[in-house]
All heavy atoms as atom14 arrays in JSON, in Angstrom:
{
  "sequence": "FVAAITSGGSTNYADSVEGRFTISRDNAKNTVYLQMNSLQPEDTAVYL",
  "atom14_mask": [
    [1, 1, 1, 1, 1, 1, 1, 1, 1, 1, 1, 0, 0, 0],
    [1, 1, 1, 1, 1, 1, 1, 0, 0, 0, 0, 0, 0, 0],
    [1, 1, 1, 1, 1, 0, 0, 0, 0, 0, 0, 0, 0, 0],
    [1, 1, 1, 1, 1, 0, 0, 0, 0, 0, 0, 0, 0, 0],
    [1, 1, 1, 1, 1, 1, 1, 1, 0, 0, 0, 0, 0, 0],
    [1, 1, 1, 1, 1, 1, 1, 0, 0, 0, 0, 0, 0, 0],
    [1, 1, 1, 1, 1, 1, 0, 0, 0, 0, 0, 0, 0, 0],
    [1, 1, 1, 1, 0, 0, 0, 0, 0, 0, 0, 0, 0, 0],
    [1, 1, 1, 1, 0, 0, 0, 0, 0, 0, 0, 0, 0, 0],
    [1, 1, 1, 1, 1, 1, 0, 0, 0, 0, 0, 0, 0, 0],
    [1, 1, 1, 1, 1, 1, 1, 0, 0, 0, 0, 0, 0, 0],
    [1, 1, 1, 1, 1, 1, 1, 1, 0, 0, 0, 0, 0, 0],
    [1, 1, 1, 1, 1, 1, 1, 1, 1, 1, 1, 1, 0, 0],
    [1, 1, 1, 1, 1, 0, 0, 0, 0, 0, 0, 0, 0, 0],
    [1, 1, 1, 1, 1, 1, 1, 1, 0, 0, 0, 0, 0, 0],
    [1, 1, 1, 1, 1, 1, 0, 0, 0, 0, 0, 0, 0, 0],
    [1, 1, 1, 1, 1, 1, 1, 0, 0, 0, 0, 0, 0, 0],
    [1, 1, 1, 1, 1, 1, 1, 1, 1, 0, 0, 0, 0, 0],
    [1, 1, 1, 1, 0, 0, 0, 0, 0, 0, 0, 0, 0, 0],
    [1, 1, 1, 1, 1, 1, 1, 1, 1, 1, 1, 0, 0, 0],
    [1, 1, 1, 1, 1, 1, 1, 1, 1, 1, 1, 0, 0, 0],
    [1, 1, 1, 1, 1, 1, 1, 0, 0, 0, 0, 0, 0, 0],
    [1, 1, 1, 1, 1, 1, 1, 1, 0, 0, 0, 0, 0, 0],
    [1, 1, 1, 1, 1, 1, 0, 0, 0, 0, 0, 0, 0, 0],
    [1, 1, 1, 1, 1, 1, 1, 1, 1, 1, 1, 0, 0, 0],
    [1, 1, 1, 1, 1, 1, 1, 1, 0, 0, 0, 0, 0, 0],
    [1, 1, 1, 1, 1, 1, 1, 1, 0, 0, 0, 0, 0, 0],
    [1, 1, 1, 1, 1, 0, 0, 0, 0, 0, 0, 0, 0, 0],
    [1, 1, 1, 1, 1, 1, 1, 1, 1, 0, 0, 0, 0, 0],
    [1, 1, 1, 1, 1, 1, 1, 1, 0, 0, 0, 0, 0, 0],
    [1, 1, 1, 1, 1, 1, 1, 0, 0, 0, 0, 0, 0, 0],
    [1, 1, 1, 1, 1, 1, 1, 0, 0, 0, 0, 0, 0, 0],
    [1, 1, 1, 1, 1, 1, 1, 1, 1, 1, 1, 1, 0, 0],
    [1, 1, 1, 1, 1, 1, 1, 1, 0, 0, 0, 0, 0, 0],
    [1, 1, 1, 1, 1, 1, 1, 1, 1, 0, 0, 0, 0, 0],
    [1, 1, 1, 1, 1, 1, 1, 1, 0, 0, 0, 0, 0, 0],
    [1, 1, 1, 1, 1, 1, 1, 1, 0, 0, 0, 0, 0, 0],
    [1, 1, 1, 1, 1, 1, 0, 0, 0, 0, 0, 0, 0, 0],
    [1, 1, 1, 1, 1, 1, 1, 1, 0, 0, 0, 0, 0, 0],
    [1, 1, 1, 1, 1, 1, 1, 1, 1, 0, 0, 0, 0, 0],
    [1, 1, 1, 1, 1, 1, 1, 0, 0, 0, 0, 0, 0, 0],
    [1, 1, 1, 1, 1, 1, 1, 1, 1, 0, 0, 0, 0, 0],
    [1, 1, 1, 1, 1, 1, 1, 1, 0, 0, 0, 0, 0, 0],
    [1, 1, 1, 1, 1, 1, 1, 0, 0, 0, 0, 0, 0, 0],
    [1, 1, 1, 1, 1, 0, 0, 0, 0, 0, 0, 0, 0, 0],
    [1, 1, 1, 1, 1, 1, 1, 0, 0, 0, 0, 0, 0, 0],
    [1, 1, 1, 1, 1, 1, 1, 1, 1, 1, 1, 1, 0, 0],
    [1, 1, 1, 1, 1, 1, 1, 1, 0, 0, 0, 0, 0, 0]
  ],
  "atom14_positions": [
    [[11.86, 7.62, -1.52], [11.43, 7.84, -0.16], [10.12, 7.17, 0.13], [9.26, 7.11, -0.63], [11.25, 9.4, 0.17], [10.56, 9.66, 1.46], [11.33, 9.65, 2.61], [9.26, 9.97, 1.51], [10.71, 9.92, 3.8], [8.67, 10.34, 2.71], [9.37, 10.28, 3.88], [0.0, 0.0, 0.0], [0.0, 0.0, 0.0], [0.0, 0.0, 0.0]],
    [[10.03, 6.42, 1.31], [8.83, 5.75, 1.74], [8.15, 6.44, 2.95], [6.99, 6.83, 2.89], [9.13, 4.35, 2.08], [7.87, 3.64, 2.65], [9.66, 3.56, 0.88], [0.0, 0.0, 0.0], [0.0, 0.0, 0.0], [0.0, 0.0, 0.0], [0.0, 0.0, 0.0], [0.0, 0.0, 0.0], [0.0, 0.0, 0.0], [0.0, 0.0, 0.0]],
    [[8.87, 6.64, 4.08], [8.37, 7.2, 5.24], [9.5, 7.67, 6.17], [10.59, 7.18, 6.07], [7.44, 6.23, 6.0], [0.0, 0.0, 0.0], [0.0, 0.0, 0.0], [0.0, 0.0, 0.0], [0.0, 0.0, 0.0], [0.0, 0.0, 0.0], [0.0, 0.0, 0.0], [0.0, 0.0, 0.0], [0.0, 0.0, 0.0], [0.0, 0.0, 0.0]],
    [[9.2, 8.6, 7.02], [10.13, 9.09, 8.03], [9.49, 9.52, 9.27], [8.32, 9.97, 9.18], [10.99, 10.25, 7.48], [0.0, 0.0, 0.0], [0.0, 0.0, 0.0], [0.0, 0.0, 0.0], [0.0, 0.0, 0.0], [0.0, 0.0, 0.0], [0.0, 0.0, 0.0], [0.0, 0.0, 0.0], [0.0, 0.0, 0.0], [0.0, 0.0, 0.0]],
    [[10.12, 9.5, 10.33], [9.66, 9.97, 11.69], [10.7, 10.75, 12.33], [11.88, 10.41, 12.43], [9.12, 8.83, 12.47], [8.45, 9.28, 13.74], [10.29, 7.87, 12.8], [7.69, 8.21, 14.42], [0.0, 0.0, 0.0], [0.0, 0.0, 0.0], [0.0, 0.0, 0.0], [0.0, 0.0, 0.0], [0.0, 0.0, 0.0], [0.0, 0.0, 0.0]],
    [[10.4, 11.89, 12.96], [11.35, 12.75, 13.69], [11.38, 12.35, 15.12], [10.65, 11.55, 15.68], [10.86, 14.22, 13.63], [9.73, 14.42, 14.41], [10.72, 14.65, 12.1], [0.0, 0.0, 0.0], [0.0, 0.0, 0.0], [0.0, 0.0, 0.0], [0.0, 0.0, 0.0], [0.0, 0.0, 0.0], [0.0, 0.0, 0.0], [0.0, 0.0, 0.0]],
    [[12.33, 12.93, 15.79], [12.51, 12.66, 17.32], [11.25, 13.01, 18.06], [11.01, 12.45, 19.17], [13.69, 13.4, 17.86], [13.62, 14.82, 17.7], [0.0, 0.0, 0.0], [0.0, 0.0, 0.0], [0.0, 0.0, 0.0], [0.0, 0.0, 0.0], [0.0, 0.0, 0.0], [0.0, 0.0, 0.0], [0.0, 0.0, 0.0], [0.0, 0.0, 0.0]],
    [[10.54, 14.01, 17.56], [9.23, 14.42, 18.23], [8.03, 13.63, 17.81], [6.97, 13.87, 18.39], [0.0, 0.0, 0.0], [0.0, 0.0, 0.0], [0.0, 0.0, 0.0], [0.0, 0.0, 0.0], [0.0, 0.0, 0.0], [0.0, 0.0, 0.0], [0.0, 0.0, 0.0], [0.0, 0.0, 0.0], [0.0, 0.0, 0.0], [0.0, 0.0, 0.0]],
    [[8.23, 12.71, 16.88], [7.13, 11.85, 16.53], [6.4, 12.24, 15.31], [5.4, 11.61, 14.9], [0.0, 0.0, 0.0], [0.0, 0.0, 0.0], [0.0, 0.0, 0.0], [0.0, 0.0, 0.0], [0.0, 0.0, 0.0], [0.0, 0.0, 0.0], [0.0, 0.0, 0.0], [0.0, 0.0, 0.0], [0.0, 0.0, 0.0], [0.0, 0.0, 0.0]],
    [[6.73, 13.35, 14.63], [6.12, 13.73, 13.42], [6.47, 12.86, 12.28], [7.63, 12.35, 12.16], [6.57, 15.22, 13.02], [6.15, 16.14, 13.95], [0.0, 0.0, 0.0], [0.0, 0.0, 0.0], [0.0, 0.0, 0.0], [0.0, 0.0, 0.0], [0.0, 0.0, 0.0], [0.0, 0.0, 0.0], [0.0, 0.0, 0.0], [0.0, 0.0, 0.0]],
    [[5.47, 12.48, 11.43], [5.72, 11.56, 10.37], [5.47, 12.16, 8.98], [4.63, 13.06, 8.83], [4.83, 10.28, 10.54], [3.41, 10.8, 10.63], [5.13, 9.65, 11.89], [0.0, 0.0, 0.0], [0.0, 0.0, 0.0], [0.0, 0.0, 0.0], [0.0, 0.0, 0.0], [0.0, 0.0, 0.0], [0.0, 0.0, 0.0], [0.0, 0.0, 0.0]],
    [[6.07, 11.55, 7.97], [5.91, 11.86, 6.57], [5.83, 10.57, 5.78], [6.59, 9.66, 6.11], [6.95, 12.81, 6.05], [6.86, 14.19, 6.63], [5.83, 14.89, 6.46], [7.93, 14.59, 7.26], [0.0, 0.0, 0.0], [0.0, 0.0, 0.0], [0.0, 0.0, 0.0], [0.0, 0.0, 0.0], [0.0, 0.0, 0.0], [0.0, 0.0, 0.0]],
    [[4.97, 10.54, 4.81], [4.79, 9.33, 3.92], [4.76, 9.79, 2.45], [4.3, 10.81, 2.08], [3.48, 8.65, 4.24], [3.33, 8.13, 5.67], [2.8, 8.82, 6.64], [3.85, 6.82, 5.98], [2.7, 8.36, 7.92], [3.8, 6.31, 7.26], [3.17, 7.11, 8.24], [3.09, 6.51, 9.51], [0.0, 0.0, 0.0], [0.0, 0.0, 0.0]],
    [[5.35, 8.83, 1.7], [5.13, 8.99, 0.26], [3.69, 8.78, -0.16], [2.96, 7.99, 0.5], [6.04, 7.99, -0.51], [0.0, 0.0, 0.0], [0.0, 0.0, 0.0], [0.0, 0.0, 0.0], [0.0, 0.0, 0.0], [0.0, 0.0, 0.0], [0.0, 0.0, 0.0], [0.0, 0.0, 0.0], [0.0, 0.0, 0.0], [0.0, 0.0, 0.0]],
    [[3.21, 9.47, -1.17], [1.81, 9.37, -1.6], [1.49, 7.91, -1.94], [0.3, 7.48, -1.69], [1.52, 10.24, -2.77], [1.62, 11.75, -2.48], [1.52, 12.05, -1.27], [1.71, 12.5, -3.46], [0.0, 0.0, 0.0], [0.0, 0.0, 0.0], [0.0, 0.0, 0.0], [0.0, 0.0, 0.0], [0.0, 0.0, 0.0], [0.0, 0.0, 0.0]],
    [[2.39, 7.12, -2.4], [2.14, 5.77, -2.85], [1.84, 4.83, -1.66], [1.25, 3.72, -1.91], [3.29, 5.23, -3.69], [4.49, 5.28, -2.94], [0.0, 0.0, 0.0], [0.0, 0.0, 0.0], [0.0, 0.0, 0.0], [0.0, 0.0, 0.0], [0.0, 0.0, 0.0], [0.0, 0.0, 0.0], [0.0, 0.0, 0.0], [0.0, 0.0, 0.0]],
    [[2.28, 5.25, -0.48], [2.02, 4.32, 0.66], [1.12, 4.91, 1.76], [0.79, 4.27, 2.69], [3.41, 3.92, 1.32], [4.33, 3.35, 0.28], [4.01, 5.04, 2.01], [0.0, 0.0, 0.0], [0.0, 0.0, 0.0], [0.0, 0.0, 0.0], [0.0, 0.0, 0.0], [0.0, 0.0, 0.0], [0.0, 0.0, 0.0], [0.0, 0.0, 0.0]],
    [[0.74, 6.19, 1.55], [-0.1, 6.8, 2.53], [-1.43, 6.0, 2.75], [-2.1, 5.6, 1.77], [-0.52, 8.23, 2.0], [-1.37, 9.15, 2.97], [-0.45, 9.62, 4.02], [0.61, 10.18, 3.78], [-0.9, 9.62, 5.18], [0.0, 0.0, 0.0], [0.0, 0.0, 0.0], [0.0, 0.0, 0.0], [0.0, 0.0, 0.0], [0.0, 0.0, 0.0]],
    [[-1.73, 5.8, 4.03], [-2.9, 5.04, 4.37], [-2.69, 3.57, 4.48], [-3.53, 2.82, 5.0], [0.0, 0.0, 0.0], [0.0, 0.0, 0.0], [0.0, 0.0, 0.0], [0.0, 0.0, 0.0], [0.0, 0.0, 0.0], [0.0, 0.0, 0.0], [0.0, 0.0, 0.0], [0.0, 0.0, 0.0], [0.0, 0.0, 0.0], [0.0, 0.0, 0.0]],
    [[-1.61, 3.09, 3.96], [-1.28, 1.58, 3.96], [-0.12, 1.29, 4.89], [-0.13, 0.26, 5.51], [-0.99, 1.07, 2.52], [-2.11, 1.23, 1.6], [-1.78, 0.5, 0.29], [-0.69, 1.12, -0.39], [0.44, 0.44, -0.69], [0.58, -0.89, -0.36], [1.49, 0.98, -1.3], [0.0, 0.0, 0.0], [0.0, 0.0, 0.0], [0.0, 0.0, 0.0]],
    [[0.83, 2.13, 4.97], [2.0, 2.03, 5.8], [2.02, 2.9, 7.06], [1.49, 4.01, 6.93], [3.32, 2.3, 5.04], [3.61, 1.29, 3.89], [2.72, 0.33, 3.53], [4.79, 1.4, 3.24], [3.05, -0.48, 2.44], [5.14, 0.56, 2.23], [4.22, -0.42, 1.82], [0.0, 0.0, 0.0], [0.0, 0.0, 0.0], [0.0, 0.0, 0.0]],
    [[2.53, 2.42, 8.14], [2.67, 3.22, 9.31], [4.03, 3.14, 9.89], [4.55, 2.06, 10.15], [1.61, 2.72, 10.37], [0.36, 2.86, 9.89], [1.73, 3.64, 11.64], [0.0, 0.0, 0.0], [0.0, 0.0, 0.0], [0.0, 0.0, 0.0], [0.0, 0.0, 0.0], [0.0, 0.0, 0.0], [0.0, 0.0, 0.0], [0.0, 0.0, 0.0]],
    [[4.66, 4.22, 10.12], [6.01, 4.29, 10.68], [5.93, 4.64, 12.13], [5.14, 5.51, 12.53], [6.97, 5.33, 9.96], [8.4, 5.12, 10.41], [6.47, 6.72, 10.05], [9.4, 5.88, 9.55], [0.0, 0.0, 0.0], [0.0, 0.0, 0.0], [0.0, 0.0, 0.0], [0.0, 0.0, 0.0], [0.0, 0.0, 0.0], [0.0, 0.0, 0.0]],
    [[6.77, 4.04, 12.97], [6.8, 4.28, 14.43], [8.22, 4.14, 14.93], [9.1, 3.59, 14.18], [5.79, 3.4, 15.13], [6.15, 2.08, 15.0], [0.0, 0.0, 0.0], [0.0, 0.0, 0.0], [0.0, 0.0, 0.0], [0.0, 0.0, 0.0], [0.0, 0.0, 0.0], [0.0, 0.0, 0.0], [0.0, 0.0, 0.0], [0.0, 0.0, 0.0]],
    [[8.41, 4.52, 16.17], [9.81, 4.37, 16.62], [9.81, 4.13, 18.19], [8.78, 4.51, 18.86], [10.66, 5.62, 16.45], [10.19, 6.85, 17.12], [10.93, 8.11, 16.64], [12.29, 8.13, 17.05], [13.15, 8.99, 16.65], [12.84, 10.03, 15.83], [14.46, 8.95, 17.08], [0.0, 0.0, 0.0], [0.0, 0.0, 0.0], [0.0, 0.0, 0.0]],
    [[10.79, 3.46, 18.68], [10.94, 3.22, 20.15], [12.3, 3.95, 20.45], [13.35, 3.42, 20.12], [11.06, 1.77, 20.45], [11.15, 1.44, 21.91], [11.63, 2.34, 22.62], [10.72, 0.36, 22.29], [0.0, 0.0, 0.0], [0.0, 0.0, 0.0], [0.0, 0.0, 0.0], [0.0, 0.0, 0.0], [0.0, 0.0, 0.0], [0.0, 0.0, 0.0]],
    [[12.23, 5.14, 21.02], [13.41, 5.92, 21.28], [14.39, 5.2, 22.28], [15.61, 5.3, 22.14], [13.05, 7.29, 21.83], [12.4, 8.19, 20.79], [12.56, 7.94, 19.57], [11.69, 9.19, 21.18], [0.0, 0.0, 0.0], [0.0, 0.0, 0.0], [0.0, 0.0, 0.0], [0.0, 0.0, 0.0], [0.0, 0.0, 0.0], [0.0, 0.0, 0.0]],
    [[13.82, 4.5, 23.22], [14.66, 3.82, 24.2], [15.5, 2.71, 23.56], [16.61, 2.41, 24.04], [13.85, 3.24, 25.31], [0.0, 0.0, 0.0], [0.0, 0.0, 0.0], [0.0, 0.0, 0.0], [0.0, 0.0, 0.0], [0.0, 0.0, 0.0], [0.0, 0.0, 0.0], [0.0, 0.0, 0.0], [0.0, 0.0, 0.0], [0.0, 0.0, 0.0]],
    [[15.03, 2.15, 22.53], [15.7, 1.05, 21.75], [16.33, 1.53, 20.45], [16.99, 0.74, 19.83], [14.78, -0.07, 21.46], [14.12, -0.7, 22.75], [13.19, -1.86, 22.22], [12.58, -2.54, 23.44], [11.67, -3.69, 23.02], [0.0, 0.0, 0.0], [0.0, 0.0, 0.0], [0.0, 0.0, 0.0], [0.0, 0.0, 0.0], [0.0, 0.0, 0.0]],
    [[16.25, 2.8, 20.14], [16.78, 3.37, 18.95], [16.36, 2.53, 17.76], [17.22, 2.18, 16.88], [18.34, 3.45, 19.02], [18.77, 4.65, 19.83], [18.01, 5.6, 20.1], [20.05, 4.56, 20.34], [0.0, 0.0, 0.0], [0.0, 0.0, 0.0], [0.0, 0.0, 0.0], [0.0, 0.0, 0.0], [0.0, 0.0, 0.0], [0.0, 0.0, 0.0]],
    [[15.09, 2.22, 17.67], [14.54, 1.37, 16.66], [13.38, 2.02, 16.01], [12.56, 2.63, 16.67], [14.15, 0.0, 17.32], [15.25, -0.68, 17.87], [13.47, -0.93, 16.22], [0.0, 0.0, 0.0], [0.0, 0.0, 0.0], [0.0, 0.0, 0.0], [0.0, 0.0, 0.0], [0.0, 0.0, 0.0], [0.0, 0.0, 0.0], [0.0, 0.0, 0.0]],
    [[13.3, 1.83, 14.67], [12.19, 2.3, 13.9], [11.52, 1.17, 13.22], [12.13, 0.13, 12.83], [12.67, 3.32, 12.79], [13.57, 2.77, 11.84], [11.49, 3.97, 12.11], [0.0, 0.0, 0.0], [0.0, 0.0, 0.0], [0.0, 0.0, 0.0], [0.0, 0.0, 0.0], [0.0, 0.0, 0.0], [0.0, 0.0, 0.0], [0.0, 0.0, 0.0]],
    [[10.2, 1.3, 13.09], [9.42, 0.17, 12.47], [8.63, 0.77, 11.33], [8.25, 1.87, 11.28], [8.44, -0.4, 13.56], [9.05, -0.82, 14.85], [9.17, 0.04, 15.88], [9.68, -2.06, 14.97], [9.74, -0.32, 17.09], [10.22, -2.47, 16.15], [10.26, -1.59, 17.22], [10.89, -2.02, 18.39], [0.0, 0.0, 0.0], [0.0, 0.0, 0.0]],
    [[8.29, -0.21, 10.49], [7.42, 0.18, 9.32], [6.36, -0.92, 9.15], [6.71, -2.09, 8.7], [8.22, 0.34, 8.02], [7.43, 0.76, 6.83], [6.91, 2.25, 7.05], [8.21, 0.67, 5.54], [0.0, 0.0, 0.0], [0.0, 0.0, 0.0], [0.0, 0.0, 0.0], [0.0, 0.0, 0.0], [0.0, 0.0, 0.0], [0.0, 0.0, 0.0]],
    [[5.22, -0.69, 9.57], [4.15, -1.64, 9.41], [3.52, -1.43, 8.0], [3.05, -0.36, 7.64], [3.02, -1.39, 10.45], [1.81, -2.31, 10.3], [2.14, -3.8, 10.57], [2.89, -4.07, 11.53], [1.64, -4.65, 9.76], [0.0, 0.0, 0.0], [0.0, 0.0, 0.0], [0.0, 0.0, 0.0], [0.0, 0.0, 0.0], [0.0, 0.0, 0.0]],
    [[3.51, -2.46, 7.2], [3.04, -2.38, 5.84], [1.87, -3.27, 5.64], [1.96, -4.5, 5.73], [4.23, -2.81, 4.92], [5.53, -2.08, 5.03], [6.74, -2.39, 3.79], [7.07, -4.15, 4.31], [0.0, 0.0, 0.0], [0.0, 0.0, 0.0], [0.0, 0.0, 0.0], [0.0, 0.0, 0.0], [0.0, 0.0, 0.0], [0.0, 0.0, 0.0]],
    [[0.74, -2.67, 5.35], [-0.52, -3.41, 5.07], [-0.95, -3.25, 3.7], [-0.53, -2.39, 2.93], [-1.59, -2.9, 6.02], [-1.29, -3.14, 7.51], [-0.62, -4.08, 7.88], [-1.65, -2.2, 8.37], [0.0, 0.0, 0.0], [0.0, 0.0, 0.0], [0.0, 0.0, 0.0], [0.0, 0.0, 0.0], [0.0, 0.0, 0.0], [0.0, 0.0, 0.0]],
    [[-1.84, -4.16, 3.3], [-2.4, -4.09, 1.86], [-1.25, -4.04, 0.84], [-1.33, -3.21, -0.16], [-3.35, -2.84, 1.78], [-4.38, -2.95, 2.66], [0.0, 0.0, 0.0], [0.0, 0.0, 0.0], [0.0, 0.0, 0.0], [0.0, 0.0, 0.0], [0.0, 0.0, 0.0], [0.0, 0.0, 0.0], [0.0, 0.0, 0.0], [0.0, 0.0, 0.0]],
    [[-0.33, -4.83, 0.97], [0.91, -4.76, 0.09], [0.44, -5.18, -1.27], [-0.4, -6.01, -1.59], [1.92, -5.79, 0.61], [2.79, -5.22, 1.84], [3.51, -6.35, 2.51], [3.67, -4.15, 1.37], [0.0, 0.0, 0.0], [0.0, 0.0, 0.0], [0.0, 0.0, 0.0], [0.0, 0.0, 0.0], [0.0, 0.0, 0.0], [0.0, 0.0, 0.0]],
    [[1.05, -4.55, -2.25], [0.89, -4.72, -3.69], [2.09, -5.09, -4.38], [3.2, -4.8, -3.91], [0.24, -3.47, -4.31], [-1.01, -2.94, -3.58], [-1.39, -1.5, -3.95], [-0.81, -0.94, -4.91], [-2.28, -0.93, -3.24], [0.0, 0.0, 0.0], [0.0, 0.0, 0.0], [0.0, 0.0, 0.0], [0.0, 0.0, 0.0], [0.0, 0.0, 0.0]],
    [[2.01, -5.72, -5.59], [3.25, -6.08, -6.29], [4.22, -4.92, -6.54], [5.49, -5.15, -6.53], [2.74, -6.61, -7.64], [1.36, -7.16, -7.29], [0.83, -6.24, -6.21], [0.0, 0.0, 0.0], [0.0, 0.0, 0.0], [0.0, 0.0, 0.0], [0.0, 0.0, 0.0], [0.0, 0.0, 0.0], [0.0, 0.0, 0.0], [0.0, 0.0, 0.0]],
    [[3.73, -3.76, -6.7], [4.59, -2.55, -6.87], [5.32, -2.14, -5.62], [6.19, -1.27, -5.75], [3.82, -1.39, -7.44], [2.52, -1.03, -6.6], [1.24, -1.7, -7.18], [1.32, -2.76, -7.61], [0.16, -0.91, -7.11], [0.0, 0.0, 0.0], [0.0, 0.0, 0.0], [0.0, 0.0, 0.0], [0.0, 0.0, 0.0], [0.0, 0.0, 0.0]],
    [[4.99, -2.73, -4.54], [5.78, -2.48, -3.31], [7.0, -3.37, -3.23], [7.85, -3.17, -2.3], [4.94, -2.76, -2.09], [3.81, -1.79, -1.92], [3.95, -0.6, -2.17], [2.65, -2.31, -1.65], [0.0, 0.0, 0.0], [0.0, 0.0, 0.0], [0.0, 0.0, 0.0], [0.0, 0.0, 0.0], [0.0, 0.0, 0.0], [0.0, 0.0, 0.0]],
    [[7.22, -4.28, -4.13], [8.37, -5.11, -4.14], [9.68, -4.3, -4.34], [9.73, -3.54, -5.32], [8.23, -6.15, -5.25], [7.14, -7.04, -5.0], [9.55, -7.0, -5.37], [0.0, 0.0, 0.0], [0.0, 0.0, 0.0], [0.0, 0.0, 0.0], [0.0, 0.0, 0.0], [0.0, 0.0, 0.0], [0.0, 0.0, 0.0], [0.0, 0.0, 0.0]],
    [[10.56, -4.4, -3.4], [11.82, -3.68, -3.46], [12.69, -4.07, -2.33], [12.25, -4.8, -1.36], [11.44, -2.17, -3.41], [0.0, 0.0, 0.0], [0.0, 0.0, 0.0], [0.0, 0.0, 0.0], [0.0, 0.0, 0.0], [0.0, 0.0, 0.0], [0.0, 0.0, 0.0], [0.0, 0.0, 0.0], [0.0, 0.0, 0.0], [0.0, 0.0, 0.0]],
    [[13.88, -3.55, -2.33], [14.8, -3.67, -1.15], [14.47, -2.38, -0.3], [14.54, -1.24, -0.84], [16.24, -3.75, -1.55], [17.08, -3.57, -0.29], [16.56, -5.01, -2.3], [0.0, 0.0, 0.0], [0.0, 0.0, 0.0], [0.0, 0.0, 0.0], [0.0, 0.0, 0.0], [0.0, 0.0, 0.0], [0.0, 0.0, 0.0], [0.0, 0.0, 0.0]],
    [[14.2, -2.66, 0.96], [13.82, -1.48, 1.81], [14.98, -1.21, 2.71], [15.61, -2.13, 3.35], [12.62, -1.82, 2.7], [11.3, -1.75, 1.95], [10.96, -2.65, 0.94], [10.37, -0.7, 2.16], [9.87, -2.57, 0.13], [9.22, -0.58, 1.48], [8.98, -1.55, 0.47], [7.73, -1.48, -0.24], [0.0, 0.0, 0.0], [0.0, 0.0, 0.0]],
    [[15.44, 0.03, 2.72], [16.59, 0.51, 3.38], [16.24, 1.43, 4.52], [15.45, 2.41, 4.34], [17.62, 1.12, 2.48], [18.05, 0.21, 1.32], [17.45, 0.67, 0.02], [19.61, 0.22, 1.21], [0.0, 0.0, 0.0], [0.0, 0.0, 0.0], [0.0, 0.0, 0.0], [0.0, 0.0, 0.0], [0.0, 0.0, 0.0], [0.0, 0.0, 0.0]]
  ]
}
């Protein structure tokens, strides 16, 4: 798990990304975003 956001906008983050990643959503577009900053080699992965 990396991050999640509810319909009401509540968010949860894995400890490993807390403070570096930000999840957001656009309900009108049914789209979720993940802004990833300060990326590290251990962040290398397929993101789903």
